[in-house]
Amino acid sequence: MSIRFRDSRRQKSQKNITKIDLTKKTEIGSCPNSINNIEKTIDQPSNNDIHHTSVFSTLHPDLQKSITCIGFTTPTPIQQKTIHTVIQGSDMIASSQTGSGKTAAFLLPIMHRIIASHEREKKNTGRITPRTRALILAPTRELAAQICQHFHDLAQYTNLRCAAIFGGVSMIPQKTAFLKAVDIMVACPGRLLDHFNQSYAKLPHLEYLVLDEADRMLDMGFLPDIKRILKVLPSNAKRQTLFFSATLPAPIVALSKDILNNPVAVDIERPHLTATGIEHKAFRVNDNLKQELLINILDQYEIRSAIIFTRTKHRSKRLAQFLERKNVATDFINGNRSQIQRTKALKDFRNGKVRVLVATDIASRGIDVEAVSHIINFDVPHVVEDYVHRAGRTARANMTGYSYTFVSANELKDFCEIERAIKIPIEQVKLENFDYNSKPDKPLEIPIAQRIAKRPALNAKR
């Protein structure tokens, strides 16, 4: 099996992603393959499952134990091509499709190098001084939390520590992570800059910088924040910098020339922009009938697990409310919800408590949920890469998935651009027994122009 992280239900010991975990070492009994009633010496996983030609065989034995414990022994193409290069110390710009194992591709070699540094320091000085050596920047809280969870899976036989730094939760435990100097920090740019305004937030010993989902960070307007962060960090000559992303648009390549030193470029070829194993379909429908079409598709196709993407935060909330009124177990995540609400929504969706998760593009990157059968674009994305990443939520790890897109008349241009870019003809279909000429009982939302017009005038003269 290849090392692609999926649903954390595989792990018996699950961390609360809103907390900073400073635990020194995970107990052996937390290994998902362990049997707690036998001796720990028997419970230790063997590294013999990792073939000597695999790049995993070059990693520290403690990391090999974790990989074997998780049940993965074969590296994915992105891991096979990047791990050795990162261990050698080169800067890198790497691209591979969503769900291909990019997270482990940068975590494993960085963890390997930090462990090696600890062992050298211990041998020479007799002690290990806590230092934050790696910083991973991620565009969303969910992705940052997910990377930390992946770290814990891989670090269970090591003494390495990791902390997530993002908004929506208290800064106090995050301050502790700075003061305790955890080995690896995973941070969203905005909250990290909040900490950098404080005297305690210094990273003088930083050796590794990773920009994960770099294209999304640019899309979300984080480029100014990234440049401010770079001014605080040690200079390029003193650190190894890695760009990992699913796509490499021109702005990313241009930024890499300013930040990276003679980087190695890795672009995993793929037959199409989207992951294989996905069946694409499009439904031409009037915008005011999309919600009615959706409820009929959910029922007729007996869809049990779906992520539905909407254009705006307002539409995500209204659509979730509509589905709840139709007795479809639903929750939603968008930028207006608190971190606690977003975490609960994702947890309930993973556990099957809710059937449908409605989301804006905040969830289109970095959210690993096992066995999502359907992705539905309630609104056609304006950017081709967004379509790619939305579709990437399904068909994970060679599973079969379905990507449906609702296309209204004014979205046809964007849809045609997507179809040309992915080089896959998207079948246009009609749902049987659905009246495409009907009128909805109630509009999903009031147009923004009408909402503004209904607001009371501010500072109006009386």
Protein backbone atom coordinates (compact mmCIF):
# COMPACT_ATOMS: atom_id res chain seq x y z
CA MET A 1 0.00 0.00 0.00
CA SER A 2 1.14 3.54 -0.67
CA ILE A 3 1.33 6.12 2.05
CA ARG A 4 -1.65 8.38 1.47
CA PHE A 5 -3.25 9.71 4.63
CA ARG A 6 -6.99 9.37 4.86
CA ASP A 7 -9.58 9.33 7.61
CA SER A 8 -8.09 9.52 11.11
CA ARG A 9 -10.64 6.92 12.20
CA ARG A 10 -7.81 4.45 11.52
CA GLN A 11 -6.08 5.78 14.63
CA LYS A 12 -7.24 4.70 18.08
CA SER A 13 -5.53 7.64 19.69
CA GLN A 14 -6.83 10.84 18.17
CA LYS A 15 -5.69 14.33 19.21
CA ASN A 16 -7.90 17.37 19.54
CA ILE A 17 -6.74 19.54 16.69
CA THR A 18 -7.44 22.76 18.58
CA LYS A 19 -4.90 21.86 21.25
CA ILE A 20 -1.12 21.97 21.20
CA ASP A 21 0.30 18.49 21.70
CA LEU A 22 3.64 18.62 23.52
CA THR A 23 3.63 14.92 24.31
CA LYS A 24 7.13 13.51 24.22
CA LYS A 25 6.25 10.12 22.77
CA THR A 26 3.18 8.18 21.70
CA GLU A 27 2.68 4.92 23.58
CA ILE A 28 3.26 1.81 21.54
CA GLY A 29 -0.25 0.64 22.29
CA SER A 30 -1.66 3.48 20.20
CA CYS A 31 -0.37 1.85 17.02
CA PRO A 32 -3.52 0.88 15.06
CA ASN A 33 -2.09 -2.55 14.36
CA SER A 34 -1.09 -3.29 17.96
CA ILE A 35 -2.66 -5.78 20.34
CA ASN A 36 -2.71 -4.26 23.80
CA ASN A 37 -2.93 -7.57 25.67
CA ILE A 38 0.51 -8.89 24.62
CA GLU A 39 4.01 -7.82 25.51
CA LYS A 40 5.22 -4.55 24.01
CA THR A 41 8.27 -6.32 22.60
CA ILE A 42 5.92 -8.41 20.47
CA ASP A 43 3.88 -5.30 19.60
CA GLN A 44 6.85 -3.57 18.00
CA PRO A 45 6.32 -3.43 14.21
CA SER A 46 8.99 -4.88 11.99
CA ASN A 47 10.74 -2.86 9.30
CA ASN A 48 11.12 -5.94 7.13
CA ASP A 49 7.95 -5.05 5.20
CA ILE A 50 9.77 -2.08 3.65
CA HIS A 51 11.64 -3.20 0.56
CA HIS A 52 15.31 -2.24 0.46
CA THR A 53 14.81 -0.47 -2.90
CA SER A 54 12.08 1.76 -1.46
CA VAL A 55 12.99 5.31 -0.54
CA PHE A 56 11.44 4.53 2.85
CA SER A 57 14.40 2.25 3.55
CA THR A 58 16.67 5.32 3.68
CA LEU A 59 14.68 6.85 6.54
CA HIS A 60 15.50 6.62 10.24
CA PRO A 61 14.43 3.25 11.72
CA ASP A 62 11.93 4.94 14.06
CA LEU A 63 10.15 6.48 11.07
CA GLN A 64 10.18 3.12 9.29
CA LYS A 65 8.46 1.61 12.34
CA SER A 66 5.71 4.21 12.16
CA ILE A 67 5.24 3.70 8.43
CA THR A 68 4.95 -0.05 8.92
CA CYS A 69 2.63 0.45 11.88
CA ILE A 70 0.29 2.58 9.78
CA GLY A 71 0.29 -0.17 7.18
CA PHE A 72 2.03 1.56 4.29
CA THR A 73 5.18 0.14 2.73
CA THR A 74 5.26 1.46 -0.85
CA PRO A 75 5.97 5.16 -1.52
CA THR A 76 3.86 7.10 -3.98
CA PRO A 77 5.58 8.63 -7.02
CA ILE A 78 5.89 12.07 -5.40
CA GLN A 79 7.44 10.50 -2.29
CA GLN A 80 9.82 8.33 -4.32
CA LYS A 81 11.06 11.35 -6.27
CA THR A 82 11.33 13.89 -3.44
CA ILE A 83 12.33 12.25 -0.15
CA HIS A 84 15.95 11.52 -1.05
CA THR A 85 16.42 14.98 -2.61
CA VAL A 86 15.07 16.72 0.49
CA ILE A 87 17.31 14.61 2.73
CA GLN A 88 20.27 15.78 0.62
CA GLY A 89 19.38 19.39 1.49
CA SER A 90 18.20 20.81 -1.84
CA ASP A 91 15.47 23.41 -2.19
CA MET A 92 12.50 22.07 -4.13
CA ILE A 93 9.36 23.02 -6.01
CA ALA A 94 7.11 19.98 -6.34
CA SER A 95 3.75 19.35 -7.92
CA SER A 96 1.50 16.31 -7.78
CA GLN A 97 -2.22 15.74 -7.92
CA THR A 98 -4.44 15.96 -4.86
CA GLY A 99 -4.38 12.80 -2.75
CA SER A 100 -0.96 11.68 -3.99
CA GLY A 101 0.83 11.76 -0.64
CA LYS A 102 2.48 15.20 -0.75
CA THR A 103 2.24 15.67 3.02
CA ALA A 104 4.37 12.64 3.82
CA ALA A 105 6.71 13.63 0.98
CA PHE A 106 7.89 16.67 2.96
CA LEU A 107 7.24 15.51 6.53
CA LEU A 108 9.26 12.32 6.37
CA PRO A 109 12.59 13.74 5.13
CA ILE A 110 12.36 16.76 7.45
CA MET A 111 11.63 14.52 10.43
CA HIS A 112 14.50 12.25 9.38
CA ARG A 113 16.94 15.16 9.31
CA ILE A 114 15.77 16.55 12.66
CA ILE A 115 16.16 13.14 14.31
CA ALA A 116 19.68 12.87 12.87
CA SER A 117 20.51 16.34 14.25
CA HIS A 118 19.22 15.33 17.68
CA GLU A 119 21.34 12.19 17.69
CA ARG A 120 24.50 14.12 16.72
CA GLU A 121 23.84 16.74 19.39
CA LYS A 122 23.17 14.08 22.01
CA LYS A 123 26.42 12.31 21.12
CA ASN A 124 28.50 15.50 21.20
CA THR A 125 26.98 17.33 24.18
CA GLY A 126 25.03 14.72 26.11
CA ARG A 127 21.77 16.66 25.77
CA ILE A 128 19.27 17.94 23.23
CA THR A 129 18.39 21.65 23.30
CA PRO A 130 14.79 22.31 22.22
CA ARG A 131 14.72 24.24 18.94
CA THR A 132 12.00 24.91 16.42
CA ARG A 133 13.69 23.75 13.24
CA ALA A 134 10.81 23.52 10.74
CA LEU A 135 7.93 25.81 9.79
CA ILE A 136 5.15 24.61 7.50
CA LEU A 137 2.78 27.26 6.15
CA ALA A 138 -0.73 26.17 5.17
CA PRO A 139 -3.64 28.23 3.79
CA THR A 140 -6.43 26.95 6.09
CA ARG A 141 -6.92 25.88 9.68
CA GLU A 142 -8.21 22.49 8.58
CA LEU A 143 -5.13 21.77 6.50
CA ALA A 144 -2.81 22.89 9.30
CA ALA A 145 -4.59 20.62 11.78
CA GLN A 146 -4.52 17.75 9.31
CA ILE A 147 -0.76 18.08 8.75
CA CYS A 148 -0.25 17.93 12.51
CA GLN A 149 -2.35 14.77 12.71
CA HIS A 150 -0.25 13.22 9.95
CA PHE A 151 2.86 14.22 11.89
CA HIS A 152 1.59 12.40 14.99
CA ASP A 153 0.95 9.27 12.93
CA LEU A 154 4.53 9.33 11.65
CA ALA A 155 6.18 10.44 14.91
CA GLN A 156 4.71 7.82 17.22
CA TYR A 157 8.09 6.10 17.74
CA THR A 158 10.07 9.33 18.05
CA ASN A 159 10.46 12.16 20.57
CA LEU A 160 9.57 14.84 18.01
CA ARG A 161 6.92 17.43 18.82
CA CYS A 162 4.60 19.47 16.60
CA ALA A 163 2.14 22.33 17.13
CA ALA A 164 -0.55 23.91 14.99
CA ILE A 165 -0.76 27.71 14.89
CA PHE A 166 -4.02 29.06 13.49
CA GLY A 167 -6.86 31.45 14.28
CA GLY A 168 -10.22 30.78 15.84
CA VAL A 169 -8.68 29.39 19.04
CA SER A 170 -6.77 30.83 21.98
CA MET A 171 -3.23 32.10 21.41
CA ILE A 172 -2.10 31.03 24.90
CA PRO A 173 -1.30 27.35 24.17
CA GLN A 174 0.26 28.47 20.90
CA LYS A 175 2.50 30.84 22.86
CA THR A 176 3.56 27.81 24.90
CA ALA A 177 4.59 26.08 21.69
CA PHE A 178 6.95 28.99 20.94
CA LEU A 179 8.36 29.02 24.47
CA LYS A 180 8.80 25.23 24.55
CA ALA A 181 10.32 25.32 21.04
CA VAL A 182 8.48 22.39 19.45
CA ASP A 183 10.41 20.79 16.61
CA ILE A 184 7.88 21.56 13.87
CA MET A 185 5.30 24.33 13.63
CA VAL A 186 2.41 24.18 11.18
CA ALA A 187 0.88 27.64 10.80
CA CYS A 188 -1.58 29.76 8.89
CA PRO A 189 0.05 33.04 7.84
CA GLY A 190 -2.36 35.43 9.59
CA ARG A 191 -2.14 33.91 13.06
CA LEU A 192 1.61 33.42 12.72
CA LEU A 193 2.03 37.15 12.07
CA ASP A 194 -0.08 37.87 15.16
CA HIS A 195 2.48 35.92 17.19
CA PHE A 196 5.42 37.57 15.44
CA ASN A 197 4.20 40.88 16.86
CA GLN A 198 5.05 39.52 20.31
CA SER A 199 8.56 39.37 21.78
CA TYR A 200 8.42 35.63 22.54
CA ALA A 201 7.77 34.63 18.91
CA LYS A 202 11.23 34.12 17.48
CA LEU A 203 12.46 31.31 15.24
CA PRO A 204 16.23 31.89 15.15
CA HIS A 205 17.09 28.22 14.64
CA LEU A 206 14.76 27.57 11.71
CA GLU A 207 16.30 25.23 9.15
CA TYR A 208 13.30 24.15 7.04
CA LEU A 209 10.46 26.14 5.51
CA VAL A 210 7.60 24.48 3.62
CA LEU A 211 4.83 26.22 1.70
CA ASP A 212 2.07 23.64 1.37
CA GLU A 213 -0.70 24.29 -1.15
CA ALA A 214 1.31 27.31 -2.27
CA ASP A 215 -1.01 28.08 -5.19
CA ARG A 216 -4.01 28.27 -2.86
CA MET A 217 -2.17 30.66 -0.55
CA LEU A 218 -1.61 32.96 -3.49
CA ASP A 219 -5.24 32.61 -4.58
CA MET A 220 -6.37 33.54 -1.07
CA GLY A 221 -4.25 36.69 -1.07
CA PHE A 222 -1.56 35.52 1.35
CA LEU A 223 1.38 36.68 -0.77
CA PRO A 224 1.91 39.93 1.24
CA ASP A 225 1.74 37.94 4.50
CA ILE A 226 4.22 35.39 3.19
CA LYS A 227 6.66 38.16 2.27
CA ARG A 228 6.32 39.66 5.77
CA ILE A 229 6.98 36.24 7.31
CA LEU A 230 10.07 35.74 5.15
CA LYS A 231 11.56 38.99 6.48
CA VAL A 232 11.40 37.61 10.03
CA LEU A 233 12.89 34.21 9.23
CA PRO A 234 16.57 33.39 8.79
CA SER A 235 17.91 34.19 5.34
CA ASN A 236 17.64 31.81 2.39
CA ALA A 237 21.24 30.72 2.78
CA LYS A 238 20.53 29.35 6.26
CA ARG A 239 17.44 27.33 5.47
CA GLN A 240 16.04 24.74 3.10
CA THR A 241 12.83 25.88 1.43
CA LEU A 242 10.25 23.61 -0.19
CA PHE A 243 7.19 24.46 -2.28
CA PHE A 244 4.58 21.70 -2.43
CA SER A 245 1.36 22.11 -4.35
CA ALA A 246 -1.11 20.34 -6.59
CA THR A 247 -0.64 22.85 -9.42
CA LEU A 248 2.16 25.19 -10.47
CA PRO A 249 0.67 28.35 -11.97
CA ALA A 250 2.97 31.08 -13.28
CA PRO A 251 2.88 33.23 -10.09
CA ILE A 252 4.14 30.28 -8.03
CA VAL A 253 7.03 29.70 -10.40
CA ALA A 254 7.90 33.41 -10.27
CA LEU A 255 7.79 33.47 -6.46
CA SER A 256 9.99 30.38 -6.31
CA LYS A 257 12.72 32.18 -8.22
CA ASP A 258 12.84 34.83 -5.49
CA ILE A 259 12.70 32.47 -2.53
CA LEU A 260 14.39 29.21 -3.56
CA ASN A 261 18.09 28.57 -4.12
CA ASN A 262 18.73 26.45 -7.22
CA PRO A 263 15.62 24.36 -6.57
CA VAL A 264 15.01 20.88 -7.88
CA ALA A 265 11.74 20.81 -9.83
CA VAL A 266 9.52 17.75 -9.50
CA ASP A 267 6.32 17.55 -11.51
CA ILE A 268 4.63 14.16 -11.40
CA GLU A 269 3.16 13.58 -14.83
CA ARG A 270 -0.43 12.50 -14.99
CA PRO A 271 -2.73 11.81 -17.90
CA HIS A 272 -5.15 14.55 -16.89
CA LEU A 273 -5.28 17.46 -14.48
CA THR A 274 -7.77 15.57 -12.34
CA ALA A 275 -7.26 12.36 -10.42
CA THR A 276 -8.07 9.11 -12.18
CA GLY A 277 -11.11 7.08 -11.22
CA ILE A 278 -13.54 10.02 -11.28
CA GLU A 279 -16.72 10.00 -13.32
CA HIS A 280 -17.56 13.56 -14.39
CA LYS A 281 -21.10 14.66 -15.18
CA ALA A 282 -22.75 18.03 -15.78
CA PHE A 283 -26.38 19.00 -15.30
CA ARG A 284 -27.66 22.04 -17.20
CA VAL A 285 -30.22 23.73 -14.96
CA ASN A 286 -31.61 27.16 -14.17
CA ASP A 287 -29.96 28.70 -11.13
CA ASN A 288 -33.24 28.95 -9.20
CA LEU A 289 -33.82 25.19 -9.59
CA LYS A 290 -30.43 23.99 -8.41
CA GLN A 291 -31.57 23.19 -4.88
CA GLU A 292 -34.54 21.18 -6.16
CA LEU A 293 -32.32 19.27 -8.58
CA LEU A 294 -29.89 18.56 -5.75
CA ILE A 295 -32.46 17.02 -3.44
CA ASN A 296 -33.72 14.82 -6.29
CA ILE A 297 -30.19 13.65 -7.16
CA LEU A 298 -29.45 12.81 -3.54
CA ASP A 299 -32.60 10.70 -3.37
CA GLN A 300 -32.59 9.05 -6.81
CA TYR A 301 -28.89 8.15 -6.73
CA GLU A 302 -29.10 7.20 -3.03
CA ILE A 303 -25.99 9.25 -2.25
CA ARG A 304 -24.82 8.62 1.29
CA SER A 305 -21.74 10.83 1.47
CA ALA A 306 -21.25 14.05 -0.48
CA ILE A 307 -19.39 17.33 -0.25
CA ILE A 308 -21.25 20.15 -1.98
CA PHE A 309 -19.38 23.30 -2.96
CA THR A 310 -21.04 26.68 -3.26
CA ARG A 311 -19.82 30.01 -4.56
CA THR A 312 -20.32 32.07 -1.40
CA LYS A 313 -20.53 31.72 2.35
CA HIS A 314 -24.13 32.96 2.27
CA ARG A 315 -25.16 30.28 -0.23
CA SER A 316 -23.46 27.52 1.76
CA LYS A 317 -25.48 28.40 4.85
CA ARG A 318 -28.77 28.77 2.99
CA LEU A 319 -28.27 25.51 1.10
CA ALA A 320 -27.48 23.64 4.33
CA GLN A 321 -30.66 25.05 5.88
CA PHE A 322 -32.67 24.00 2.82
CA LEU A 323 -31.35 20.42 3.00
CA GLU A 324 -32.07 20.22 6.73
CA ARG A 325 -35.67 21.25 6.01
CA LYS A 326 -35.80 18.36 3.54
CA ASN A 327 -34.65 15.96 6.30
CA VAL A 328 -31.15 15.48 4.90
CA ALA A 329 -28.57 15.35 7.70
CA THR A 330 -26.34 18.29 6.77
CA ASP A 331 -23.73 20.62 8.16
CA PHE A 332 -21.65 23.34 6.56
CA ILE A 333 -18.26 25.02 6.86
CA ASN A 334 -17.20 28.44 5.67
CA GLY A 335 -15.03 31.32 6.81
CA ASN A 336 -17.76 32.77 9.05
CA ARG A 337 -17.97 29.73 11.29
CA SER A 338 -15.85 29.38 14.40
CA GLN A 339 -13.07 26.81 14.55
CA ILE A 340 -15.10 24.72 16.99
CA GLN A 341 -18.07 24.69 14.58
CA ARG A 342 -15.89 23.79 11.61
CA THR A 343 -14.10 21.03 13.49
CA LYS A 344 -17.40 19.56 14.68
CA ALA A 345 -18.87 19.66 11.17
CA LEU A 346 -15.89 17.78 9.73
CA LYS A 347 -15.91 15.25 12.58
CA ASP A 348 -19.63 14.57 12.17
CA PHE A 349 -19.17 14.14 8.42
CA ARG A 350 -16.24 11.75 8.84
CA ASN A 351 -18.18 9.71 11.39
CA GLY A 352 -21.26 9.52 9.17
CA LYS A 353 -23.42 11.53 11.53
CA VAL A 354 -24.19 13.94 8.69
CA ARG A 355 -24.77 12.80 5.13
CA VAL A 356 -23.88 16.02 3.37
CA LEU A 357 -21.22 18.65 4.02
CA VAL A 358 -21.78 21.99 2.31
CA ALA A 359 -18.64 24.06 1.91
CA THR A 360 -16.97 26.96 0.23
CA ASP A 361 -13.51 26.42 -1.22
CA ILE A 362 -12.04 26.59 2.28
CA ALA A 363 -12.58 22.82 2.28
CA SER A 364 -11.41 22.03 -1.24
CA ARG A 365 -7.76 21.68 -0.19
CA GLY A 366 -6.24 19.39 2.34
CA ILE A 367 -9.37 17.80 3.83
CA ASP A 368 -8.93 14.03 3.94
CA VAL A 369 -12.22 12.21 4.39
CA GLU A 370 -12.26 8.54 3.54
CA ALA A 371 -14.88 7.14 1.18
CA VAL A 372 -16.51 10.35 -0.06
CA SER A 373 -18.38 9.03 -3.07
CA HIS A 374 -19.66 12.29 -4.54
CA ILE A 375 -18.48 15.84 -5.04
CA ILE A 376 -21.16 18.22 -6.28
CA ASN A 377 -20.34 21.65 -7.62
CA PHE A 378 -23.52 23.48 -6.80
CA ASP A 379 -21.89 26.46 -8.53
CA VAL A 380 -19.33 26.22 -11.33
CA PRO A 381 -15.93 27.31 -9.97
CA HIS A 382 -14.43 30.36 -11.64
CA VAL A 383 -10.92 28.88 -11.64
CA VAL A 384 -9.95 25.58 -13.25
CA GLU A 385 -7.66 24.65 -10.36
CA ASP A 386 -10.62 24.91 -7.96
CA TYR A 387 -12.47 22.30 -10.01
CA VAL A 388 -9.39 20.05 -9.86
CA HIS A 389 -9.12 20.29 -6.09
CA ARG A 390 -12.82 19.91 -5.48
CA ALA A 391 -12.87 16.74 -7.57
CA GLY A 392 -9.79 15.57 -5.69
CA ARG A 393 -11.86 15.08 -2.53
CA THR A 394 -13.26 11.90 -4.09
CA ALA A 395 -11.56 8.91 -5.74
CA ARG A 396 -8.84 8.94 -3.08
CA ALA A 397 -6.29 6.13 -3.10
CA ASN A 398 -7.55 4.57 -6.35
CA MET A 399 -11.18 4.51 -5.27
CA THR A 400 -14.01 5.37 -7.68
CA GLY A 401 -15.71 8.72 -7.27
CA TYR A 402 -18.19 11.02 -8.92
CA SER A 403 -17.94 14.72 -9.66
CA TYR A 404 -21.21 16.43 -10.61
CA THR A 405 -21.49 20.05 -11.69
CA PHE A 406 -24.64 22.15 -11.92
CA VAL A 407 -24.33 24.56 -14.84
CA SER A 408 -26.66 27.52 -15.29
CA ALA A 409 -26.72 29.64 -18.45
CA ASN A 410 -24.44 32.35 -17.08
CA GLU A 411 -21.90 29.72 -15.91
CA LEU A 412 -21.52 28.01 -19.28
CA LYS A 413 -18.36 29.94 -20.23
CA ASP A 414 -16.51 28.93 -17.05
CA PHE A 415 -17.67 25.35 -17.50
CA CYS A 416 -16.35 25.15 -21.07
CA GLU A 417 -12.96 26.47 -19.92
CA ILE A 418 -12.79 23.74 -17.29
CA GLU A 419 -13.65 21.07 -19.83
CA ARG A 420 -10.91 22.26 -22.19
CA ALA A 421 -8.32 22.47 -19.43
CA ILE A 422 -8.84 19.00 -17.95
CA LYS A 423 -8.92 17.46 -21.45
CA ILE A 424 -11.84 15.28 -20.50
CA PRO A 425 -15.23 15.55 -22.20
CA ILE A 426 -17.72 16.01 -19.37
CA GLU A 427 -20.94 14.20 -20.12
CA GLN A 428 -23.99 16.45 -19.95
CA VAL A 429 -26.96 14.54 -18.57
CA LYS A 430 -30.52 15.11 -17.42
CA LEU A 431 -32.05 13.62 -14.32
CA GLU A 432 -35.03 11.43 -15.05
CA ASN A 433 -38.40 12.46 -13.67
CA PHE A 434 -37.27 16.00 -12.88
CA ASP A 435 -39.19 18.97 -14.27
CA TYR A 436 -36.56 21.42 -15.49
CA ASN A 437 -39.28 23.98 -16.23
CA SER A 438 -40.83 24.01 -12.79
CA LYS A 439 -40.68 26.86 -10.32
CA PRO A 440 -39.15 26.45 -6.86
CA ASP A 441 -41.40 26.66 -3.81
CA LYS A 442 -39.06 29.24 -2.34
CA PRO A 443 -35.87 30.83 -3.72
CA LEU A 444 -32.66 29.63 -2.13
CA GLU A 445 -31.50 33.17 -1.49
CA ILE A 446 -32.47 36.74 -2.13
CA PRO A 447 -30.17 38.33 -4.74
CA ILE A 448 -27.54 40.55 -3.12
CA ALA A 449 -28.86 43.66 -4.87
CA GLN A 450 -32.27 43.09 -3.30
CA ARG A 451 -30.73 42.37 0.10
CA ILE A 452 -28.81 45.64 0.01
CA ALA A 453 -31.88 47.55 -1.14
CA LYS A 454 -33.86 46.26 1.84
CA ARG A 455 -31.30 47.39 4.40
CA PRO A 456 -32.20 50.54 6.33
CA ALA A 457 -30.28 53.59 5.18
CA LEU A 458 -27.39 54.56 7.42
CA ASN A 459 -26.82 58.16 8.52
CA ALA A 460 -29.81 59.24 6.48
CA LYS A 461 -31.05 62.77 7.06
CA ARG A 462 -34.43 63.00 8.75
